[in-house]
Amino acid sequence: RSDIRELISSTLKAPKDLIVIRKIKTPFGKNESFIELFIYDNKEKMLE
């Protein structure tokens, strides 16, 4: 999760502390993962 958050943060230029990964799904035998994540506008709303 930390590697994915770093990658998404650098790709989208979003603050790392506002990225929340909800789900990581990797099909068996594949070299690809499907990531469901949210990027919040502010930390207060995220914690709420």
ModelCIF file with pLDDT and N, C-alpha, C, O atoms, coordinates in Angstrom:
data_MODEL
#
_entry.id   MODEL 
#
_entity.id                         1 
_entity.type                       polymer 
_entity.pdbx_number_of_molecules   1 
#
_entity_poly.entity_id                      1 
_entity_poly.type                           'polypeptide(L)' 
_entity_poly.nstd_linkage                   no 
_entity_poly.nstd_monomer                   no 
_entity_poly.pdbx_seq_one_letter_code       RSDIRELISSTLKAPKDLIVIRKIKTPFGKNESFIELFIYDNKEKMLE 
_entity_poly.pdbx_seq_one_letter_code_can   RSDIRELISSTLKAPKDLIVIRKIKTPFGKNESFIELFIYDNKEKMLE 
_entity_poly.pdbx_strand_id                 A 
#
loop_
_entity_poly_seq.entity_id 
_entity_poly_seq.num 
_entity_poly_seq.mon_id 
_entity_poly_seq.hetero 
1 1  ARG n 
1 2  SER n 
1 3  ASP n 
1 4  ILE n 
1 5  ARG n 
1 6  GLU n 
1 7  LEU n 
1 8  ILE n 
1 9  SER n 
1 10 SER n 
1 11 THR n 
1 12 LEU n 
1 13 LYS n 
1 14 ALA n 
1 15 PRO n 
1 16 LYS n 
1 17 ASP n 
1 18 LEU n 
1 19 ILE n 
1 20 VAL n 
1 21 ILE n 
1 22 ARG n 
1 23 LYS n 
1 24 ILE n 
1 25 LYS n 
1 26 THR n 
1 27 PRO n 
1 28 PHE n 
1 29 GLY n 
1 30 LYS n 
1 31 ASN n 
1 32 GLU n 
1 33 SER n 
1 34 PHE n 
1 35 ILE n 
1 36 GLU n 
1 37 LEU n 
1 38 PHE n 
1 39 ILE n 
1 40 TYR n 
1 41 ASP n 
1 42 ASN n 
1 43 LYS n 
1 44 GLU n 
1 45 LYS n 
1 46 MET n 
1 47 LEU n 
1 48 GLU n 
#
_struct_asym.id          A 
_struct_asym.entity_id   1 
#
loop_
_ma_qa_metric.id 
_ma_qa_metric.mode 
_ma_qa_metric.name 
_ma_qa_metric.software_group_id 
_ma_qa_metric.type 
1 global pLDDT . pLDDT 
2 local  pLDDT . pLDDT 
#
_ma_qa_metric_global.metric_id      1 
_ma_qa_metric_global.metric_value   94.77 
_ma_qa_metric_global.model_id       1 
_ma_qa_metric_global.ordinal_id     1 
#
loop_
_ma_qa_metric_local.label_asym_id 
_ma_qa_metric_local.label_comp_id 
_ma_qa_metric_local.label_seq_id 
_ma_qa_metric_local.metric_id 
_ma_qa_metric_local.metric_value 
_ma_qa_metric_local.model_id 
_ma_qa_metric_local.ordinal_id 
A ARG 1  2 94.00 1 1  
A SER 2  2 93.00 1 2  
A ASP 3  2 93.00 1 3  
A ILE 4  2 94.00 1 4  
A ARG 5  2 95.00 1 5  
A GLU 6  2 95.00 1 6  
A LEU 7  2 94.00 1 7  
A ILE 8  2 95.00 1 8  
A SER 9  2 95.00 1 9  
A SER 10 2 95.00 1 10 
A THR 11 2 93.00 1 11 
A LEU 12 2 94.00 1 12 
A LYS 13 2 95.00 1 13 
A ALA 14 2 95.00 1 14 
A PRO 15 2 95.00 1 15 
A LYS 16 2 95.00 1 16 
A ASP 17 2 95.00 1 17 
A LEU 18 2 96.00 1 18 
A ILE 19 2 97.00 1 19 
A VAL 20 2 97.00 1 20 
A ILE 21 2 97.00 1 21 
A ARG 22 2 96.00 1 22 
A LYS 23 2 96.00 1 23 
A ILE 24 2 96.00 1 24 
A LYS 25 2 96.00 1 25 
A THR 26 2 93.00 1 26 
A PRO 27 2 92.00 1 27 
A PHE 28 2 91.00 1 28 
A GLY 29 2 87.00 1 29 
A LYS 30 2 89.00 1 30 
A ASN 31 2 91.00 1 31 
A GLU 32 2 94.00 1 32 
A SER 33 2 95.00 1 33 
A PHE 34 2 97.00 1 34 
A ILE 35 2 97.00 1 35 
A GLU 36 2 97.00 1 36 
A LEU 37 2 96.00 1 37 
A PHE 38 2 97.00 1 38 
A ILE 39 2 97.00 1 39 
A TYR 40 2 97.00 1 40 
A ASP 41 2 95.00 1 41 
A ASN 42 2 94.00 1 42 
A LYS 43 2 95.00 1 43 
A GLU 44 2 96.00 1 44 
A LYS 45 2 95.00 1 45 
A MET 46 2 96.00 1 46 
A LEU 47 2 96.00 1 47 
A GLU 48 2 96.00 1 48 
#
loop_
_atom_site.group_PDB 
_atom_site.id 
_atom_site.type_symbol 
_atom_site.label_atom_id 
_atom_site.label_alt_id 
_atom_site.label_comp_id 
_atom_site.label_asym_id 
_atom_site.label_entity_id 
_atom_site.label_seq_id 
_atom_site.pdbx_PDB_ins_code 
_atom_site.Cartn_x 
_atom_site.Cartn_y 
_atom_site.Cartn_z 
_atom_site.occupancy 
_atom_site.B_iso_or_equiv 
_atom_site.pdbx_formal_charge 
_atom_site.auth_seq_id 
_atom_site.auth_comp_id 
_atom_site.auth_asym_id 
_atom_site.auth_atom_id 
_atom_site.pdbx_PDB_model_num 
ATOM 1   N N  . ARG A 1 1  ? 0.824   -1.204  0.000   1.00 94.00 ? 1  ARG A N  1 
ATOM 2   C CA . ARG A 1 1  ? 0.000   0.000   0.000   1.00 94.00 ? 1  ARG A CA 1 
ATOM 3   C C  . ARG A 1 1  ? 0.863   1.261   0.000   1.00 94.00 ? 1  ARG A C  1 
ATOM 4   O O  . ARG A 1 1  ? 0.536   2.234   -0.679  1.00 94.00 ? 1  ARG A O  1 
ATOM 5   N N  . SER A 1 2  ? 1.945   1.250   0.746   1.00 93.00 ? 2  SER A N  1 
ATOM 6   C CA . SER A 1 2  ? 2.804   2.439   0.781   1.00 93.00 ? 2  SER A CA 1 
ATOM 7   C C  . SER A 1 2  ? 3.476   2.677   -0.570  1.00 93.00 ? 2  SER A C  1 
ATOM 8   O O  . SER A 1 2  ? 3.619   3.826   -0.989  1.00 93.00 ? 2  SER A O  1 
ATOM 9   N N  . ASP A 1 3  ? 3.892   1.613   -1.259  1.00 93.00 ? 3  ASP A N  1 
ATOM 10  C CA . ASP A 1 3  ? 4.484   1.765   -2.597  1.00 93.00 ? 3  ASP A CA 1 
ATOM 11  C C  . ASP A 1 3  ? 3.462   2.313   -3.587  1.00 93.00 ? 3  ASP A C  1 
ATOM 12  O O  . ASP A 1 3  ? 3.787   3.168   -4.411  1.00 93.00 ? 3  ASP A O  1 
ATOM 13  N N  . ILE A 1 4  ? 2.232   1.822   -3.508  1.00 94.00 ? 4  ILE A N  1 
ATOM 14  C CA . ILE A 1 4  ? 1.176   2.288   -4.412  1.00 94.00 ? 4  ILE A CA 1 
ATOM 15  C C  . ILE A 1 4  ? 0.856   3.752   -4.130  1.00 94.00 ? 4  ILE A C  1 
ATOM 16  O O  . ILE A 1 4  ? 0.684   4.540   -5.060  1.00 94.00 ? 4  ILE A O  1 
ATOM 17  N N  . ARG A 1 5  ? 0.774   4.121   -2.852  1.00 95.00 ? 5  ARG A N  1 
ATOM 18  C CA . ARG A 1 5  ? 0.482   5.515   -2.496  1.00 95.00 ? 5  ARG A CA 1 
ATOM 19  C C  . ARG A 1 5  ? 1.591   6.441   -2.997  1.00 95.00 ? 5  ARG A C  1 
ATOM 20  O O  . ARG A 1 5  ? 1.304   7.542   -3.468  1.00 95.00 ? 5  ARG A O  1 
ATOM 21  N N  . GLU A 1 6  ? 2.856   6.012   -2.901  1.00 95.00 ? 6  GLU A N  1 
ATOM 22  C CA . GLU A 1 6  ? 3.986   6.799   -3.425  1.00 95.00 ? 6  GLU A CA 1 
ATOM 23  C C  . GLU A 1 6  ? 3.856   6.976   -4.939  1.00 95.00 ? 6  GLU A C  1 
ATOM 24  O O  . GLU A 1 6  ? 4.028   8.079   -5.460  1.00 95.00 ? 6  GLU A O  1 
ATOM 25  N N  . LEU A 1 7  ? 3.552   5.882   -5.637  1.00 94.00 ? 7  LEU A N  1 
ATOM 26  C CA . LEU A 1 7  ? 3.432   5.908   -7.089  1.00 94.00 ? 7  LEU A CA 1 
ATOM 27  C C  . LEU A 1 7  ? 2.295   6.819   -7.536  1.00 94.00 ? 7  LEU A C  1 
ATOM 28  O O  . LEU A 1 7  ? 2.474   7.626   -8.448  1.00 94.00 ? 7  LEU A O  1 
ATOM 29  N N  . ILE A 1 8  ? 1.137   6.701   -6.911  1.00 95.00 ? 8  ILE A N  1 
ATOM 30  C CA . ILE A 1 8  ? -0.019  7.524   -7.273  1.00 95.00 ? 8  ILE A CA 1 
ATOM 31  C C  . ILE A 1 8  ? 0.241   8.985   -6.926  1.00 95.00 ? 8  ILE A C  1 
ATOM 32  O O  . ILE A 1 8  ? -0.140  9.880   -7.680  1.00 95.00 ? 8  ILE A O  1 
ATOM 33  N N  . SER A 1 9  ? 0.886   9.229   -5.792  1.00 95.00 ? 9  SER A N  1 
ATOM 34  C CA . SER A 1 9  ? 1.206   10.595  -5.382  1.00 95.00 ? 9  SER A CA 1 
ATOM 35  C C  . SER A 1 9  ? 2.110   11.274  -6.406  1.00 95.00 ? 9  SER A C  1 
ATOM 36  O O  . SER A 1 9  ? 1.891   12.433  -6.760  1.00 95.00 ? 9  SER A O  1 
ATOM 37  N N  . SER A 1 10 ? 3.111   10.563  -6.877  1.00 95.00 ? 10 SER A N  1 
ATOM 38  C CA . SER A 1 10 ? 4.015   11.157  -7.869  1.00 95.00 ? 10 SER A CA 1 
ATOM 39  C C  . SER A 1 10 ? 3.352   11.272  -9.247  1.00 95.00 ? 10 SER A C  1 
ATOM 40  O O  . SER A 1 10 ? 3.639   12.206  -9.995  1.00 95.00 ? 10 SER A O  1 
ATOM 41  N N  . THR A 1 11 ? 2.481   10.339  -9.579  1.00 93.00 ? 11 THR A N  1 
ATOM 42  C CA . THR A 1 11 ? 1.815   10.368  -10.880 1.00 93.00 ? 11 THR A CA 1 
ATOM 43  C C  . THR A 1 11 ? 0.793   11.492  -10.972 1.00 93.00 ? 11 THR A C  1 
ATOM 44  O O  . THR A 1 11 ? 0.761   12.219  -11.965 1.00 93.00 ? 11 THR A O  1 
ATOM 45  N N  . LEU A 1 12 ? -0.046  11.642  -9.941  1.00 94.00 ? 12 LEU A N  1 
ATOM 46  C CA . LEU A 1 12 ? -1.132  12.630  -9.968  1.00 94.00 ? 12 LEU A CA 1 
ATOM 47  C C  . LEU A 1 12 ? -0.780  13.935  -9.274  1.00 94.00 ? 12 LEU A C  1 
ATOM 48  O O  . LEU A 1 12 ? -1.594  14.858  -9.254  1.00 94.00 ? 12 LEU A O  1 
ATOM 49  N N  . LYS A 1 13 ? 0.417   14.033  -8.704  1.00 95.00 ? 13 LYS A N  1 
ATOM 50  C CA . LYS A 1 13 ? 0.850   15.225  -7.955  1.00 95.00 ? 13 LYS A CA 1 
ATOM 51  C C  . LYS A 1 13 ? -0.118  15.536  -6.816  1.00 95.00 ? 13 LYS A C  1 
ATOM 52  O O  . LYS A 1 13 ? -0.472  16.692  -6.584  1.00 95.00 ? 13 LYS A O  1 
ATOM 53  N N  . ALA A 1 14 ? -0.540  14.488  -6.112  1.00 95.00 ? 14 ALA A N  1 
ATOM 54  C CA . ALA A 1 14 ? -1.468  14.622  -4.981  1.00 95.00 ? 14 ALA A CA 1 
ATOM 55  C C  . ALA A 1 14 ? -0.697  14.360  -3.688  1.00 95.00 ? 14 ALA A C  1 
ATOM 56  O O  . ALA A 1 14 ? 0.242   13.565  -3.683  1.00 95.00 ? 14 ALA A O  1 
ATOM 57  N N  . PRO A 1 15 ? -1.083  15.022  -2.588  1.00 95.00 ? 15 PRO A N  1 
ATOM 58  C CA . PRO A 1 15 ? -0.412  14.758  -1.308  1.00 95.00 ? 15 PRO A CA 1 
ATOM 59  C C  . PRO A 1 15 ? -0.631  13.312  -0.862  1.00 95.00 ? 15 PRO A C  1 
ATOM 60  O O  . PRO A 1 15 ? -1.749  12.799  -0.908  1.00 95.00 ? 15 PRO A O  1 
ATOM 61  N N  . LYS A 1 16 ? 0.436   12.676  -0.438  1.00 95.00 ? 16 LYS A N  1 
ATOM 62  C CA . LYS A 1 16 ? 0.380   11.264  -0.054  1.00 95.00 ? 16 LYS A CA 1 
ATOM 63  C C  . LYS A 1 16 ? -0.529  11.023  1.140   1.00 95.00 ? 16 LYS A C  1 
ATOM 64  O O  . LYS A 1 16 ? -1.154  9.967   1.240   1.00 95.00 ? 16 LYS A O  1 
ATOM 65  N N  . ASP A 1 17 ? -0.609  11.991  2.049   1.00 95.00 ? 17 ASP A N  1 
ATOM 66  C CA . ASP A 1 17 ? -1.413  11.804  3.262   1.00 95.00 ? 17 ASP A CA 1 
ATOM 67  C C  . ASP A 1 17 ? -2.906  11.979  3.027   1.00 95.00 ? 17 ASP A C  1 
ATOM 68  O O  . ASP A 1 17 ? -3.687  11.831  3.967   1.00 95.00 ? 17 ASP A O  1 
ATOM 69  N N  . LEU A 1 18 ? -3.332  12.290  1.797   1.00 96.00 ? 18 LEU A N  1 
ATOM 70  C CA . LEU A 1 18 ? -4.754  12.385  1.464   1.00 96.00 ? 18 LEU A CA 1 
ATOM 71  C C  . LEU A 1 18 ? -5.217  11.232  0.577   1.00 96.00 ? 18 LEU A C  1 
ATOM 72  O O  . LEU A 1 18 ? -6.370  11.211  0.145   1.00 96.00 ? 18 LEU A O  1 
ATOM 73  N N  . ILE A 1 19 ? -4.335  10.274  0.302   1.00 97.00 ? 19 ILE A N  1 
ATOM 74  C CA . ILE A 1 19 ? -4.663  9.125   -0.545  1.00 97.00 ? 19 ILE A CA 1 
ATOM 75  C C  . ILE A 1 19 ? -5.018  7.937   0.346   1.00 97.00 ? 19 ILE A C  1 
ATOM 76  O O  . ILE A 1 19 ? -4.245  7.542   1.218   1.00 97.00 ? 19 ILE A O  1 
ATOM 77  N N  . VAL A 1 20 ? -6.203  7.378   0.106   1.00 97.00 ? 20 VAL A N  1 
ATOM 78  C CA . VAL A 1 20 ? -6.671  6.218   0.868   1.00 97.00 ? 20 VAL A CA 1 
ATOM 79  C C  . VAL A 1 20 ? -6.944  5.079   -0.109  1.00 97.00 ? 20 VAL A C  1 
ATOM 80  O O  . VAL A 1 20 ? -7.778  5.206   -1.006  1.00 97.00 ? 20 VAL A O  1 
ATOM 81  N N  . ILE A 1 21 ? -6.237  3.968   0.072   1.00 97.00 ? 21 ILE A N  1 
ATOM 82  C CA . ILE A 1 21 ? -6.453  2.785   -0.761  1.00 97.00 ? 21 ILE A CA 1 
ATOM 83  C C  . ILE A 1 21 ? -7.523  1.933   -0.098  1.00 97.00 ? 21 ILE A C  1 
ATOM 84  O O  . ILE A 1 21 ? -7.366  1.505   1.045   1.00 97.00 ? 21 ILE A O  1 
ATOM 85  N N  . ARG A 1 22 ? -8.603  1.691   -0.815  1.00 96.00 ? 22 ARG A N  1 
ATOM 86  C CA . ARG A 1 22 ? -9.693  0.890   -0.269  1.00 96.00 ? 22 ARG A CA 1 
ATOM 87  C C  . ARG A 1 22 ? -9.511  -0.593  -0.576  1.00 96.00 ? 22 ARG A C  1 
ATOM 88  O O  . ARG A 1 22 ? -9.751  -1.441  0.284   1.00 96.00 ? 22 ARG A O  1 
ATOM 89  N N  . LYS A 1 23 ? -9.089  -0.907  -1.797  1.00 96.00 ? 23 LYS A N  1 
ATOM 90  C CA . LYS A 1 23 ? -9.027  -2.310  -2.207  1.00 96.00 ? 23 LYS A CA 1 
ATOM 91  C C  . LYS A 1 23 ? -7.899  -2.522  -3.207  1.00 96.00 ? 23 LYS A C  1 
ATOM 92  O O  . LYS A 1 23 ? -7.677  -1.694  -4.091  1.00 96.00 ? 23 LYS A O  1 
ATOM 93  N N  . ILE A 1 24 ? -7.194  -3.631  -3.062  1.00 96.00 ? 24 ILE A N  1 
ATOM 94  C CA . ILE A 1 24 ? -6.195  -4.077  -4.033  1.00 96.00 ? 24 ILE A CA 1 
ATOM 95  C C  . ILE A 1 24 ? -6.603  -5.477  -4.467  1.00 96.00 ? 24 ILE A C  1 
ATOM 96  O O  . ILE A 1 24 ? -6.736  -6.375  -3.635  1.00 96.00 ? 24 ILE A O  1 
ATOM 97  N N  . LYS A 1 25 ? -6.797  -5.662  -5.752  1.00 96.00 ? 25 LYS A N  1 
ATOM 98  C CA . LYS A 1 25 ? -7.205  -6.980  -6.253  1.00 96.00 ? 25 LYS A CA 1 
ATOM 99  C C  . LYS A 1 25 ? -6.229  -7.395  -7.349  1.00 96.00 ? 25 LYS A C  1 
ATOM 100 O O  . LYS A 1 25 ? -6.076  -6.709  -8.360  1.00 96.00 ? 25 LYS A O  1 
ATOM 101 N N  . THR A 1 26 ? -5.574  -8.531  -7.126  1.00 93.00 ? 26 THR A N  1 
ATOM 102 C CA . THR A 1 26 ? -4.636  -9.074  -8.100  1.00 93.00 ? 26 THR A CA 1 
ATOM 103 C C  . THR A 1 26 ? -5.155  -10.430 -8.558  1.00 93.00 ? 26 THR A C  1 
ATOM 104 O O  . THR A 1 26 ? -5.198  -11.371 -7.766  1.00 93.00 ? 26 THR A O  1 
ATOM 105 N N  . PRO A 1 27 ? -5.556  -10.547 -9.842  1.00 92.00 ? 27 PRO A N  1 
ATOM 106 C CA . PRO A 1 27 ? -6.006  -11.846 -10.339 1.00 92.00 ? 27 PRO A CA 1 
ATOM 107 C C  . PRO A 1 27 ? -4.869  -12.868 -10.289 1.00 92.00 ? 27 PRO A C  1 
ATOM 108 O O  . PRO A 1 27 ? -3.707  -12.519 -10.495 1.00 92.00 ? 27 PRO A O  1 
ATOM 109 N N  . PHE A 1 28 ? -5.205  -14.120 -10.018 1.00 91.00 ? 28 PHE A N  1 
ATOM 110 C CA . PHE A 1 28 ? -4.219  -15.188 -9.884  1.00 91.00 ? 28 PHE A CA 1 
ATOM 111 C C  . PHE A 1 28 ? -3.415  -15.350 -11.166 1.00 91.00 ? 28 PHE A C  1 
ATOM 112 O O  . PHE A 1 28 ? -3.974  -15.469 -12.256 1.00 91.00 ? 28 PHE A O  1 
ATOM 113 N N  . GLY A 1 29 ? -2.096  -15.352 -11.018 1.00 87.00 ? 29 GLY A N  1 
ATOM 114 C CA . GLY A 1 29 ? -1.208  -15.591 -12.148 1.00 87.00 ? 29 GLY A CA 1 
ATOM 115 C C  . GLY A 1 29 ? -0.971  -14.390 -13.037 1.00 87.00 ? 29 GLY A C  1 
ATOM 116 O O  . GLY A 1 29 ? -0.332  -14.523 -14.081 1.00 87.00 ? 29 GLY A O  1 
ATOM 117 N N  . LYS A 1 30 ? -1.460  -13.226 -12.663 1.00 89.00 ? 30 LYS A N  1 
ATOM 118 C CA . LYS A 1 30 ? -1.298  -12.027 -13.495 1.00 89.00 ? 30 LYS A CA 1 
ATOM 119 C C  . LYS A 1 30 ? -0.288  -11.090 -12.855 1.00 89.00 ? 30 LYS A C  1 
ATOM 120 O O  . LYS A 1 30 ? -0.077  -11.128 -11.643 1.00 89.00 ? 30 LYS A O  1 
ATOM 121 N N  . ASN A 1 31 ? 0.327   -10.261 -13.660 1.00 91.00 ? 31 ASN A N  1 
ATOM 122 C CA . ASN A 1 31 ? 1.252   -9.242  -13.179 1.00 91.00 ? 31 ASN A CA 1 
ATOM 123 C C  . ASN A 1 31 ? 0.593   -7.873  -13.177 1.00 91.00 ? 31 ASN A C  1 
ATOM 124 O O  . ASN A 1 31 ? 1.239   -6.859  -13.444 1.00 91.00 ? 31 ASN A O  1 
ATOM 125 N N  . GLU A 1 32 ? -0.687  -7.853  -12.875 1.00 94.00 ? 32 GLU A N  1 
ATOM 126 C CA . GLU A 1 32 ? -1.402  -6.583  -12.805 1.00 94.00 ? 32 GLU A CA 1 
ATOM 127 C C  . GLU A 1 32 ? -2.349  -6.593  -11.611 1.00 94.00 ? 32 GLU A C  1 
ATOM 128 O O  . GLU A 1 32 ? -2.885  -7.633  -11.227 1.00 94.00 ? 32 GLU A O  1 
ATOM 129 N N  . SER A 1 33 ? -2.539  -5.415  -11.038 1.00 95.00 ? 33 SER A N  1 
ATOM 130 C CA . SER A 1 33 ? -3.428  -5.263  -9.892  1.00 95.00 ? 33 SER A CA 1 
ATOM 131 C C  . SER A 1 33 ? -4.414  -4.154  -10.184 1.00 95.00 ? 33 SER A C  1 
ATOM 132 O O  . SER A 1 33 ? -4.096  -3.181  -10.868 1.00 95.00 ? 33 SER A O  1 
ATOM 133 N N  . PHE A 1 34 ? -5.619  -4.314  -9.652  1.00 97.00 ? 34 PHE A N  1 
ATOM 134 C CA . PHE A 1 34 ? -6.639  -3.284  -9.775  1.00 97.00 ? 34 PHE A CA 1 
ATOM 135 C C  . PHE A 1 34 ? -6.787  -2.630  -8.406  1.00 97.00 ? 34 PHE A C  1 
ATOM 136 O O  . PHE A 1 34 ? -7.035  -3.300  -7.404  1.00 97.00 ? 34 PHE A O  1 
ATOM 137 N N  . ILE A 1 35 ? -6.629  -1.318  -8.384  1.00 97.00 ? 35 ILE A N  1 
ATOM 138 C CA . ILE A 1 35 ? -6.590  -0.560  -7.142  1.00 97.00 ? 35 ILE A CA 1 
ATOM 139 C C  . ILE A 1 35 ? -7.772  0.396   -7.099  1.00 97.00 ? 35 ILE A C  1 
ATOM 140 O O  . ILE A 1 35 ? -7.963  1.202   -8.009  1.00 97.00 ? 35 ILE A O  1 
ATOM 141 N N  . GLU A 1 36 ? -8.565  0.299   -6.032  1.00 97.00 ? 36 GLU A N  1 
ATOM 142 C CA . GLU A 1 36 ? -9.644  1.252   -5.786  1.00 97.00 ? 36 GLU A CA 1 
ATOM 143 C C  . GLU A 1 36 ? -9.162  2.195   -4.697  1.00 97.00 ? 36 GLU A C  1 
ATOM 144 O O  . GLU A 1 36 ? -8.867  1.764   -3.583  1.00 97.00 ? 36 GLU A O  1 
ATOM 145 N N  . LEU A 1 37 ? -9.079  3.494   -5.020  1.00 96.00 ? 37 LEU A N  1 
ATOM 146 C CA . LEU A 1 37 ? -8.587  4.447   -4.031  1.00 96.00 ? 37 LEU A CA 1 
ATOM 147 C C  . LEU A 1 37 ? -9.333  5.761   -4.114  1.00 96.00 ? 37 LEU A C  1 
ATOM 148 O O  . LEU A 1 37 ? -9.966  6.081   -5.121  1.00 96.00 ? 37 LEU A O  1 
ATOM 149 N N  . PHE A 1 38 ? -9.242  6.523   -3.019  1.00 97.00 ? 38 PHE A N  1 
ATOM 150 C CA . PHE A 1 38 ? -9.868  7.832   -2.913  1.00 97.00 ? 38 PHE A CA 1 
ATOM 151 C C  . PHE A 1 38 ? -8.791  8.860   -2.603  1.00 97.00 ? 38 PHE A C  1 
ATOM 152 O O  . PHE A 1 38 ? -7.863  8.591   -1.840  1.00 97.00 ? 38 PHE A O  1 
ATOM 153 N N  . ILE A 1 39 ? -8.922  10.043  -3.203  1.00 97.00 ? 39 ILE A N  1 
ATOM 154 C CA . ILE A 1 39 ? -8.062  11.174  -2.861  1.00 97.00 ? 39 ILE A CA 1 
ATOM 155 C C  . ILE A 1 39 ? -8.973  12.265  -2.311  1.00 97.00 ? 39 ILE A C  1 
ATOM 156 O O  . ILE A 1 39 ? -9.831  12.791  -3.021  1.00 97.00 ? 39 ILE A O  1 
ATOM 157 N N  . TYR A 1 40 ? -8.776  12.594  -1.051  1.00 97.00 ? 40 TYR A N  1 
ATOM 158 C CA . TYR A 1 40 ? -9.634  13.566  -0.364  1.00 97.00 ? 40 TYR A CA 1 
ATOM 159 C C  . TYR A 1 40 ? -9.144  14.994  -0.579  1.00 97.00 ? 40 TYR A C  1 
ATOM 160 O O  . TYR A 1 40 ? -7.971  15.233  -0.865  1.00 97.00 ? 40 TYR A O  1 
ATOM 161 N N  . ASP A 1 41 ? -10.087 15.946  -0.431  1.00 95.00 ? 41 ASP A N  1 
ATOM 162 C CA . ASP A 1 41 ? -9.767  17.362  -0.552  1.00 95.00 ? 41 ASP A CA 1 
ATOM 163 C C  . ASP A 1 41 ? -9.022  17.875  0.674   1.00 95.00 ? 41 ASP A C  1 
ATOM 164 O O  . ASP A 1 41 ? -8.120  18.704  0.555   1.00 95.00 ? 41 ASP A O  1 
ATOM 165 N N  . ASN A 1 42 ? -9.402  17.380  1.866   1.00 94.00 ? 42 ASN A N  1 
ATOM 166 C CA . ASN A 1 42 ? -8.714  17.802  3.085   1.00 94.00 ? 42 ASN A CA 1 
ATOM 167 C C  . ASN A 1 42 ? -8.711  16.661  4.103   1.00 94.00 ? 42 ASN A C  1 
ATOM 168 O O  . ASN A 1 42 ? -9.510  15.728  4.028   1.00 94.00 ? 42 ASN A O  1 
ATOM 169 N N  . LYS A 1 43 ? -7.791  16.769  5.049   1.00 95.00 ? 43 LYS A N  1 
ATOM 170 C CA . LYS A 1 43 ? -7.564  15.696  6.019   1.00 95.00 ? 43 LYS A CA 1 
ATOM 171 C C  . LYS A 1 43 ? -8.720  15.553  7.007   1.00 95.00 ? 43 LYS A C  1 
ATOM 172 O O  . LYS A 1 43 ? -9.027  14.442  7.439   1.00 95.00 ? 43 LYS A O  1 
ATOM 173 N N  . GLU A 1 44 ? -9.363  16.661  7.369   1.00 96.00 ? 44 GLU A N  1 
ATOM 174 C CA . GLU A 1 44 ? -10.473 16.606  8.332   1.00 96.00 ? 44 GLU A CA 1 
ATOM 175 C C  . GLU A 1 44 ? -11.622 15.759  7.802   1.00 96.00 ? 44 GLU A C  1 
ATOM 176 O O  . GLU A 1 44 ? -12.168 14.928  8.527   1.00 96.00 ? 44 GLU A O  1 
ATOM 177 N N  . LYS A 1 45 ? -11.990 15.966  6.543   1.00 95.00 ? 45 LYS A N  1 
ATOM 178 C CA . LYS A 1 45 ? -13.078 15.180  5.944   1.00 95.00 ? 45 LYS A CA 1 
ATOM 179 C C  . LYS A 1 45 ? -12.692 13.713  5.821   1.00 95.00 ? 45 LYS A C  1 
ATOM 180 O O  . LYS A 1 45 ? -13.527 12.830  6.017   1.00 95.00 ? 45 LYS A O  1 
ATOM 181 N N  . MET A 1 46 ? -11.433 13.451  5.497   1.00 96.00 ? 46 MET A N  1 
ATOM 182 C CA . MET A 1 46 ? -10.966 12.073  5.378   1.00 96.00 ? 46 MET A CA 1 
ATOM 183 C C  . MET A 1 46 ? -11.096 11.348  6.717   1.00 96.00 ? 46 MET A C  1 
ATOM 184 O O  . MET A 1 46 ? -11.589 10.221  6.767   1.00 96.00 ? 46 MET A O  1 
ATOM 185 N N  . LEU A 1 47 ? -10.653 11.993  7.803   1.00 96.00 ? 47 LEU A N  1 
ATOM 186 C CA . LEU A 1 47 ? -10.726 11.370  9.125   1.00 96.00 ? 47 LEU A CA 1 
ATOM 187 C C  . LEU A 1 47 ? -12.167 11.206  9.591   1.00 96.00 ? 47 LEU A C  1 
ATOM 188 O O  . LEU A 1 47 ? -12.471 10.291  10.356  1.00 96.00 ? 47 LEU A O  1 
ATOM 189 N N  . GLU A 1 48 ? -13.051 12.080  9.139   1.00 96.00 ? 48 GLU A N  1 
ATOM 190 C CA . GLU A 1 48 ? -14.463 12.015  9.514   1.00 96.00 ? 48 GLU A CA 1 
ATOM 191 C C  . GLU A 1 48 ? -15.205 10.903  8.764   1.00 96.00 ? 48 GLU A C  1 
ATOM 192 O O  . GLU A 1 48 ? -16.405 10.715  8.967   1.00 96.00 ? 48 GLU A O  1 
#
